[in-house]
Amino acid sequence: MPPKNVDELPKIPHLDKVAHFVFYFIFTILFFLTFQNNKENVKKVANIYILSFVVAFSLGICIEWLQNTITQDRSGDLFDVLFNTFGTVVALIGMKYINKKLLINVK
């Protein structure tokens, strides 16, 4: 138990939503790069964007559904799904921008 004279840390509103955004942002980039770096898949970049989105979105939905159905102390939250999706979309837009810049620099 912490001592009684220790002040409680300040609460940051909606910190969990920031965590959802950051996790899915990083997850999507890593997932995307895993497939993009495979030389056989380079021609299928558009499909990699779609696959990355579908996997990240599905994972977010599944986790929230599982939280709601199999745990007693947690509940699913549609705003968590929204911020998961937002992190994924921002990551994919960033990857599209970076890939476009890299292709211009290669030519």
Protein backbone atom coordinates (compact mmCIF):
# COMPACT_ATOMS: atom_id res chain seq x y z
CA MET A 1 0.00 0.00 0.00
CA PRO A 2 1.26 3.48 -0.75
CA PRO A 3 1.85 5.82 2.16
CA LYS A 4 -1.07 8.07 3.06
CA ASN A 5 0.99 11.24 2.63
CA VAL A 6 1.67 10.59 -1.07
CA ASP A 7 -0.41 12.82 -3.32
CA GLU A 8 -2.52 11.15 -5.95
CA LEU A 9 -1.30 11.70 -9.49
CA PRO A 10 -3.36 14.18 -11.46
CA LYS A 11 -5.97 12.61 -13.70
CA ILE A 12 -5.54 13.34 -17.39
CA PRO A 13 -8.93 13.37 -19.09
CA HIS A 14 -9.37 10.84 -21.88
CA LEU A 15 -5.82 9.48 -21.54
CA ASP A 16 -7.15 6.04 -22.49
CA LYS A 17 -8.30 7.42 -25.85
CA VAL A 18 -4.81 8.79 -26.50
CA ALA A 19 -3.42 5.35 -25.64
CA HIS A 20 -5.85 3.69 -28.08
CA PHE A 21 -4.86 6.12 -30.83
CA VAL A 22 -1.10 5.67 -30.25
CA PHE A 23 -1.29 1.87 -30.02
CA TYR A 24 -3.26 1.49 -33.25
CA PHE A 25 -1.11 4.11 -35.00
CA ILE A 26 2.06 2.13 -34.19
CA PHE A 27 0.42 -1.26 -34.77
CA THR A 28 -0.83 -0.22 -38.22
CA ILE A 29 2.56 1.14 -39.30
CA LEU A 30 4.35 -2.02 -38.17
CA PHE A 31 1.75 -4.25 -39.81
CA PHE A 32 1.95 -2.23 -43.04
CA LEU A 33 5.77 -2.30 -43.09
CA THR A 34 5.80 -6.06 -42.53
CA PHE A 35 3.97 -6.60 -45.80
CA GLN A 36 5.45 -3.70 -47.73
CA ASN A 37 9.01 -4.92 -47.18
CA ASN A 38 8.19 -8.26 -48.79
CA LYS A 39 9.33 -7.79 -52.40
CA GLU A 40 6.49 -9.93 -53.76
CA ASN A 41 3.96 -7.52 -52.27
CA VAL A 42 5.43 -4.24 -53.51
CA LYS A 43 3.12 -4.25 -56.55
CA LYS A 44 0.14 -4.78 -54.29
CA VAL A 45 0.57 -1.68 -52.12
CA ALA A 46 -3.09 -0.66 -52.46
CA ASN A 47 -4.07 -4.07 -51.13
CA ILE A 48 -1.65 -3.62 -48.22
CA TYR A 49 -3.45 -0.41 -47.24
CA ILE A 50 -6.79 -2.22 -47.30
CA LEU A 51 -5.44 -5.27 -45.46
CA SER A 52 -3.83 -3.09 -42.78
CA PHE A 53 -7.07 -1.20 -42.24
CA VAL A 54 -9.25 -4.31 -42.13
CA VAL A 55 -6.95 -6.15 -39.70
CA ALA A 56 -6.54 -3.18 -37.34
CA PHE A 57 -10.25 -2.31 -37.43
CA SER A 58 -11.27 -5.95 -36.89
CA LEU A 59 -8.82 -6.32 -34.01
CA GLY A 60 -10.25 -3.22 -32.35
CA ILE A 61 -13.83 -4.42 -32.74
CA CYS A 62 -12.97 -7.91 -31.45
CA ILE A 63 -11.14 -6.60 -28.39
CA GLU A 64 -13.98 -4.27 -27.45
CA TRP A 65 -16.54 -7.04 -28.00
CA LEU A 66 -14.51 -9.44 -25.85
CA GLN A 67 -14.19 -6.83 -23.11
CA ASN A 68 -17.94 -6.43 -23.14
CA THR A 69 -18.81 -10.12 -23.22
CA ILE A 70 -16.21 -12.12 -21.29
CA THR A 71 -15.05 -9.76 -18.55
CA GLN A 72 -16.99 -8.64 -15.53
CA ASP A 73 -15.04 -5.51 -14.68
CA ARG A 74 -14.58 -4.06 -18.18
CA SER A 75 -16.99 -2.91 -20.84
CA GLY A 76 -16.77 -2.28 -24.56
CA ASP A 77 -16.61 1.34 -25.65
CA LEU A 78 -17.51 2.64 -29.10
CA PHE A 79 -15.27 5.66 -28.53
CA ASP A 80 -12.34 3.26 -28.07
CA VAL A 81 -13.18 1.77 -31.46
CA LEU A 82 -13.38 5.29 -32.90
CA PHE A 83 -9.93 6.24 -31.60
CA ASN A 84 -8.50 2.87 -32.70
CA THR A 85 -9.81 3.58 -36.18
CA PHE A 86 -8.58 7.17 -36.10
CA GLY A 87 -5.05 5.97 -35.20
CA THR A 88 -5.18 3.46 -38.03
CA VAL A 89 -6.38 5.98 -40.61
CA VAL A 90 -3.77 8.58 -39.60
CA ALA A 91 -1.04 5.92 -39.82
CA LEU A 92 -2.14 4.85 -43.29
CA ILE A 93 -2.34 8.45 -44.50
CA GLY A 94 1.18 8.96 -43.15
CA MET A 95 2.42 5.82 -44.89
CA LYS A 96 0.81 6.95 -48.15
CA TYR A 97 2.54 10.34 -47.85
CA ILE A 98 5.92 8.77 -47.02
CA ASN A 99 5.64 6.24 -49.84
CA LYS A 100 4.74 9.00 -52.29
CA LYS A 101 7.78 11.04 -51.20
CA LEU A 102 10.06 8.00 -51.46
CA LEU A 103 8.83 7.18 -54.97
CA ILE A 104 9.44 10.76 -56.08
CA ASN A 105 12.96 10.70 -54.63
CA VAL A 106 13.81 7.36 -56.27
CA LYS A 107 12.93 8.55 -59.79
